[in-house]
Amino acid sequence: MRLFDIFRKPAPPAETPSQAGIQARVIDHLVRHGVIDAWTIVQMGTTDAHKLLTRLRRKGYLFAADNPRGHFEQRNRSGHGTHRHHYWTGKRPPQLERRARVRGGR
């Protein structure tokens, strides 16, 4: 064991299957619509949408939080505040099918 290993920050825990499923649904929504907001993510089944937005930024699916081209503000229905819609960067998720020819005759 080296000295650096003692002071190294521990790796984050692996995602649970339910988080991975919600994340896949959020990425699918981003690919289809191009934007997403926190309320849409909450409706998909998570309780912490902002944590998921941070994870998607780290993986490259969303622009950085301080990038003004990465989001736009929209007025709330009440008219007293705004909420943020986040743009998709265009990165596609990796394909799960690794065959030379896709099965099913496509």
N, C-alpha and C. Protein backbone atom coordinates (compact mmCIF):
# COMPACT_ATOMS: atom_id res chain seq x y z
N MET A 1 0.86 -1.18 0.00
CA MET A 1 0.00 0.00 0.00
C MET A 1 0.90 1.23 0.00
N ARG A 2 0.58 2.16 -0.89
CA ARG A 2 1.36 3.38 -0.99
C ARG A 2 0.72 4.46 -0.13
N LEU A 3 1.49 5.49 0.14
CA LEU A 3 1.00 6.60 0.96
C LEU A 3 -0.17 7.32 0.28
N PHE A 4 -0.12 7.43 -1.05
CA PHE A 4 -1.20 8.11 -1.77
C PHE A 4 -2.53 7.36 -1.65
N ASP A 5 -2.46 6.03 -1.53
CA ASP A 5 -3.69 5.24 -1.43
C ASP A 5 -4.45 5.54 -0.15
N ILE A 6 -3.76 5.93 0.89
CA ILE A 6 -4.42 6.22 2.16
C ILE A 6 -5.25 7.50 2.06
N PHE A 7 -4.71 8.50 1.36
CA PHE A 7 -5.38 9.80 1.29
C PHE A 7 -6.25 9.98 0.05
N ARG A 8 -6.33 8.99 -0.79
CA ARG A 8 -7.11 9.07 -2.01
C ARG A 8 -8.61 9.08 -1.69
N LYS A 9 -9.32 9.91 -2.40
CA LYS A 9 -10.78 9.97 -2.23
C LYS A 9 -11.39 8.67 -2.72
N PRO A 10 -12.28 8.04 -1.97
CA PRO A 10 -12.85 6.77 -2.42
C PRO A 10 -13.72 6.97 -3.66
N ALA A 11 -13.77 5.95 -4.48
CA ALA A 11 -14.58 6.00 -5.71
C ALA A 11 -16.06 6.05 -5.34
N PRO A 12 -16.87 6.74 -6.14
CA PRO A 12 -18.30 6.77 -5.83
C PRO A 12 -18.91 5.38 -6.00
N PRO A 13 -19.94 5.08 -5.23
CA PRO A 13 -20.55 3.75 -5.35
C PRO A 13 -21.22 3.58 -6.71
N ALA A 14 -21.34 2.35 -7.13
CA ALA A 14 -21.98 2.05 -8.41
C ALA A 14 -23.47 2.41 -8.36
N GLU A 15 -24.03 2.74 -9.51
CA GLU A 15 -25.44 3.11 -9.55
C GLU A 15 -26.31 1.88 -9.30
N THR A 16 -27.41 2.08 -8.63
CA THR A 16 -28.34 0.99 -8.41
C THR A 16 -29.11 0.73 -9.69
N PRO A 17 -29.69 -0.45 -9.85
CA PRO A 17 -30.44 -0.72 -11.09
C PRO A 17 -31.58 0.25 -11.33
N SER A 18 -32.25 0.71 -10.28
CA SER A 18 -33.37 1.63 -10.48
C SER A 18 -32.87 2.98 -11.00
N GLN A 19 -31.71 3.45 -10.51
CA GLN A 19 -31.15 4.70 -11.00
C GLN A 19 -30.73 4.56 -12.45
N ALA A 20 -30.16 3.41 -12.80
CA ALA A 20 -29.73 3.18 -14.17
C ALA A 20 -30.94 3.16 -15.11
N GLY A 21 -32.07 2.61 -14.65
CA GLY A 21 -33.27 2.57 -15.48
C GLY A 21 -33.85 3.95 -15.71
N ILE A 22 -33.89 4.76 -14.67
CA ILE A 22 -34.40 6.13 -14.80
C ILE A 22 -33.47 6.94 -15.68
N GLN A 23 -32.17 6.74 -15.51
CA GLN A 23 -31.21 7.46 -16.33
C GLN A 23 -31.38 7.09 -17.80
N ALA A 24 -31.63 5.84 -18.09
CA ALA A 24 -31.84 5.42 -19.48
C ALA A 24 -33.10 6.08 -20.05
N ARG A 25 -34.15 6.17 -19.24
CA ARG A 25 -35.37 6.83 -19.71
C ARG A 25 -35.15 8.32 -19.95
N VAL A 26 -34.35 8.96 -19.08
CA VAL A 26 -34.06 10.38 -19.25
C VAL A 26 -33.24 10.60 -20.52
N ILE A 27 -32.25 9.75 -20.78
CA ILE A 27 -31.44 9.89 -21.99
C ILE A 27 -32.30 9.67 -23.22
N ASP A 28 -33.21 8.71 -23.17
CA ASP A 28 -34.12 8.47 -24.29
C ASP A 28 -35.00 9.69 -24.54
N HIS A 29 -35.48 10.32 -23.47
CA HIS A 29 -36.30 11.53 -23.60
C HIS A 29 -35.47 12.66 -24.22
N LEU A 30 -34.21 12.79 -23.81
CA LEU A 30 -33.33 13.80 -24.37
C LEU A 30 -33.12 13.58 -25.87
N VAL A 31 -32.91 12.34 -26.27
CA VAL A 31 -32.68 12.05 -27.68
C VAL A 31 -33.92 12.37 -28.50
N ARG A 32 -35.10 12.05 -27.97
CA ARG A 32 -36.34 12.30 -28.72
C ARG A 32 -36.72 13.77 -28.76
N HIS A 33 -36.57 14.51 -27.63
CA HIS A 33 -37.08 15.88 -27.54
C HIS A 33 -36.00 16.96 -27.60
N GLY A 34 -34.78 16.65 -27.20
CA GLY A 34 -33.70 17.62 -27.24
C GLY A 34 -33.55 18.47 -25.99
N VAL A 35 -34.57 18.54 -25.14
CA VAL A 35 -34.50 19.30 -23.89
C VAL A 35 -35.18 18.50 -22.79
N ILE A 36 -34.83 18.84 -21.54
CA ILE A 36 -35.49 18.20 -20.39
C ILE A 36 -35.41 19.16 -19.22
N ASP A 37 -36.39 19.06 -18.32
CA ASP A 37 -36.36 19.87 -17.11
C ASP A 37 -36.46 18.94 -15.90
N ALA A 38 -36.26 19.50 -14.73
CA ALA A 38 -36.21 18.70 -13.50
C ALA A 38 -37.56 18.05 -13.20
N TRP A 39 -38.65 18.73 -13.49
CA TRP A 39 -39.96 18.17 -13.18
C TRP A 39 -40.25 16.93 -14.02
N THR A 40 -39.82 16.92 -15.26
CA THR A 40 -39.99 15.74 -16.11
C THR A 40 -39.22 14.56 -15.54
N ILE A 41 -38.02 14.82 -15.02
CA ILE A 41 -37.21 13.75 -14.43
C ILE A 41 -37.88 13.21 -13.17
N VAL A 42 -38.45 14.09 -12.36
CA VAL A 42 -39.15 13.65 -11.14
C VAL A 42 -40.33 12.77 -11.50
N GLN A 43 -41.05 13.11 -12.55
CA GLN A 43 -42.19 12.31 -12.97
C GLN A 43 -41.78 10.93 -13.49
N MET A 44 -40.53 10.77 -13.85
CA MET A 44 -40.04 9.47 -14.31
C MET A 44 -39.72 8.54 -13.16
N GLY A 45 -39.69 9.04 -11.93
CA GLY A 45 -39.56 8.15 -10.79
C GLY A 45 -38.42 8.40 -9.84
N THR A 46 -37.69 9.48 -9.95
CA THR A 46 -36.61 9.75 -9.01
C THR A 46 -37.03 10.88 -8.07
N THR A 47 -36.37 10.96 -6.94
CA THR A 47 -36.67 12.03 -5.99
C THR A 47 -35.64 13.14 -6.02
N ASP A 48 -34.51 12.91 -6.69
CA ASP A 48 -33.46 13.92 -6.75
C ASP A 48 -33.06 14.15 -8.20
N ALA A 49 -33.80 15.00 -8.87
CA ALA A 49 -33.56 15.25 -10.29
C ALA A 49 -32.25 15.98 -10.53
N HIS A 50 -31.87 16.86 -9.62
CA HIS A 50 -30.66 17.65 -9.83
C HIS A 50 -29.40 16.79 -9.75
N LYS A 51 -29.44 15.73 -8.93
CA LYS A 51 -28.31 14.81 -8.88
C LYS A 51 -28.18 14.08 -10.22
N LEU A 52 -29.31 13.70 -10.80
CA LEU A 52 -29.29 13.02 -12.09
C LEU A 52 -28.82 13.97 -13.19
N LEU A 53 -29.20 15.24 -13.12
CA LEU A 53 -28.72 16.21 -14.09
C LEU A 53 -27.20 16.37 -13.98
N THR A 54 -26.67 16.35 -12.77
CA THR A 54 -25.23 16.44 -12.57
C THR A 54 -24.53 15.22 -13.16
N ARG A 55 -25.08 14.04 -12.95
CA ARG A 55 -24.49 12.82 -13.52
C ARG A 55 -24.50 12.87 -15.04
N LEU A 56 -25.59 13.38 -15.62
CA LEU A 56 -25.66 13.47 -17.08
C LEU A 56 -24.66 14.49 -17.62
N ARG A 57 -24.40 15.55 -16.86
CA ARG A 57 -23.37 16.51 -17.27
C ARG A 57 -21.99 15.85 -17.25
N ARG A 58 -21.70 15.07 -16.22
CA ARG A 58 -20.40 14.39 -16.13
C ARG A 58 -20.21 13.40 -17.27
N LYS A 59 -21.29 12.74 -17.68
CA LYS A 59 -21.19 11.75 -18.77
C LYS A 59 -21.23 12.40 -20.15
N GLY A 60 -21.51 13.69 -20.22
CA GLY A 60 -21.45 14.40 -21.48
C GLY A 60 -22.77 14.53 -22.22
N TYR A 61 -23.90 14.18 -21.61
CA TYR A 61 -25.19 14.28 -22.28
C TYR A 61 -25.78 15.69 -22.19
N LEU A 62 -25.38 16.46 -21.18
CA LEU A 62 -25.86 17.84 -21.01
C LEU A 62 -24.68 18.78 -21.01
N PHE A 63 -24.93 20.03 -21.38
CA PHE A 63 -23.89 21.05 -21.34
C PHE A 63 -23.55 21.39 -19.89
N ALA A 64 -22.42 22.04 -19.68
CA ALA A 64 -22.01 22.45 -18.33
C ALA A 64 -23.04 23.42 -17.75
N ALA A 65 -23.14 23.45 -16.44
CA ALA A 65 -24.16 24.27 -15.77
C ALA A 65 -23.94 25.76 -16.00
N ASP A 66 -22.69 26.18 -16.16
CA ASP A 66 -22.42 27.61 -16.35
C ASP A 66 -22.42 28.02 -17.82
N ASN A 67 -22.71 27.11 -18.72
CA ASN A 67 -22.76 27.42 -20.14
C ASN A 67 -24.11 28.06 -20.47
N PRO A 68 -24.14 29.32 -20.92
CA PRO A 68 -25.43 29.96 -21.20
C PRO A 68 -26.17 29.34 -22.38
N ARG A 69 -25.46 28.64 -23.28
CA ARG A 69 -26.13 27.99 -24.41
C ARG A 69 -26.66 26.62 -24.04
N GLY A 70 -26.41 26.16 -22.82
CA GLY A 70 -26.81 24.83 -22.41
C GLY A 70 -28.19 24.74 -21.80
N HIS A 71 -28.86 25.88 -21.60
CA HIS A 71 -30.19 25.86 -21.00
C HIS A 71 -30.94 27.14 -21.35
N PHE A 72 -32.23 27.13 -21.11
CA PHE A 72 -33.02 28.36 -21.21
C PHE A 72 -34.03 28.39 -20.08
N GLU A 73 -34.36 29.58 -19.65
CA GLU A 73 -35.32 29.78 -18.56
C GLU A 73 -36.71 29.98 -19.15
N GLN A 74 -37.69 29.36 -18.53
CA GLN A 74 -39.08 29.52 -18.96
C GLN A 74 -39.90 29.98 -17.76
N ARG A 75 -40.86 30.85 -17.99
CA ARG A 75 -41.71 31.36 -16.92
C ARG A 75 -42.58 30.24 -16.37
N ASN A 76 -42.80 30.25 -15.06
CA ASN A 76 -43.71 29.30 -14.44
C ASN A 76 -45.14 29.65 -14.82
N ARG A 77 -46.03 28.71 -14.60
CA ARG A 77 -47.44 28.97 -14.92
C ARG A 77 -48.01 30.09 -14.07
N SER A 78 -47.51 30.22 -12.86
CA SER A 78 -48.00 31.28 -11.99
C SER A 78 -47.51 32.65 -12.43
N GLY A 79 -46.41 32.68 -13.18
CA GLY A 79 -45.86 33.94 -13.64
C GLY A 79 -44.93 34.61 -12.66
N HIS A 80 -44.67 33.98 -11.50
CA HIS A 80 -43.83 34.60 -10.47
C HIS A 80 -42.41 34.08 -10.44
N GLY A 81 -42.07 33.14 -11.28
CA GLY A 81 -40.72 32.59 -11.27
C GLY A 81 -40.40 31.92 -12.58
N THR A 82 -39.25 31.27 -12.63
CA THR A 82 -38.83 30.57 -13.84
C THR A 82 -38.31 29.18 -13.48
N HIS A 83 -38.27 28.32 -14.47
CA HIS A 83 -37.60 27.03 -14.31
C HIS A 83 -36.74 26.79 -15.54
N ARG A 84 -35.76 25.93 -15.40
CA ARG A 84 -34.72 25.77 -16.41
C ARG A 84 -34.92 24.49 -17.22
N HIS A 85 -34.84 24.63 -18.53
CA HIS A 85 -34.83 23.50 -19.46
C HIS A 85 -33.40 23.32 -19.95
N HIS A 86 -32.91 22.08 -19.93
CA HIS A 86 -31.53 21.79 -20.28
C HIS A 86 -31.47 21.18 -21.67
N TYR A 87 -30.53 21.67 -22.50
CA TYR A 87 -30.36 21.17 -23.85
C TYR A 87 -29.47 19.94 -23.87
N TRP A 88 -29.74 19.07 -24.82
CA TRP A 88 -28.97 17.85 -25.05
C TRP A 88 -27.74 18.21 -25.89
N THR A 89 -26.58 17.63 -25.60
CA THR A 89 -25.35 17.94 -26.33
C THR A 89 -25.26 17.22 -27.66
N GLY A 90 -26.05 16.20 -27.87
CA GLY A 90 -25.99 15.44 -29.12
C GLY A 90 -25.27 14.11 -28.96
N LYS A 91 -24.73 13.85 -27.78
CA LYS A 91 -24.04 12.59 -27.55
C LYS A 91 -25.07 11.47 -27.47
N ARG A 92 -24.80 10.39 -28.15
CA ARG A 92 -25.70 9.24 -28.15
C ARG A 92 -25.23 8.19 -27.15
N PRO A 93 -26.16 7.48 -26.53
CA PRO A 93 -25.74 6.40 -25.62
C PRO A 93 -25.12 5.26 -26.43
N PRO A 94 -24.23 4.48 -25.82
CA PRO A 94 -23.62 3.37 -26.56
C PRO A 94 -24.67 2.32 -26.92
N GLN A 95 -24.52 1.74 -28.09
CA GLN A 95 -25.46 0.72 -28.54
C GLN A 95 -25.20 -0.58 -27.80
N LEU A 96 -26.26 -1.23 -27.40
CA LEU A 96 -26.10 -2.50 -26.69
C LEU A 96 -25.91 -3.66 -27.67
N GLU A 97 -26.33 -3.48 -28.91
CA GLU A 97 -26.18 -4.52 -29.92
C GLU A 97 -24.79 -4.41 -30.53
N ARG A 98 -23.97 -5.46 -30.38
CA ARG A 98 -22.61 -5.41 -30.88
C ARG A 98 -22.40 -6.32 -32.09
N ARG A 99 -23.47 -6.78 -32.68
CA ARG A 99 -23.33 -7.65 -33.83
C ARG A 99 -23.08 -6.83 -35.10
N ALA A 100 -22.49 -7.48 -36.09
CA ALA A 100 -22.25 -6.80 -37.36
C ALA A 100 -23.58 -6.49 -38.04
N ARG A 101 -24.51 -7.43 -37.97
CA ARG A 101 -25.85 -7.22 -38.52
C ARG A 101 -26.84 -7.23 -37.39
N VAL A 102 -27.72 -6.27 -37.37
CA VAL A 102 -28.72 -6.20 -36.31
C VAL A 102 -29.72 -7.32 -36.50
N ARG A 103 -30.07 -7.99 -35.41
CA ARG A 103 -31.04 -9.08 -35.50
C ARG A 103 -32.42 -8.53 -35.80
N GLY A 104 -33.24 -9.32 -36.44
CA GLY A 104 -34.61 -8.93 -36.72
C GLY A 104 -34.76 -8.39 -38.14
N GLY A 105 -33.71 -8.48 -38.95
CA GLY A 105 -33.80 -8.07 -40.35
C GLY A 105 -33.87 -6.57 -40.57
N ARG A 106 -33.35 -5.79 -39.68
CA ARG A 106 -33.40 -4.32 -39.83
C ARG A 106 -32.26 -3.81 -40.66
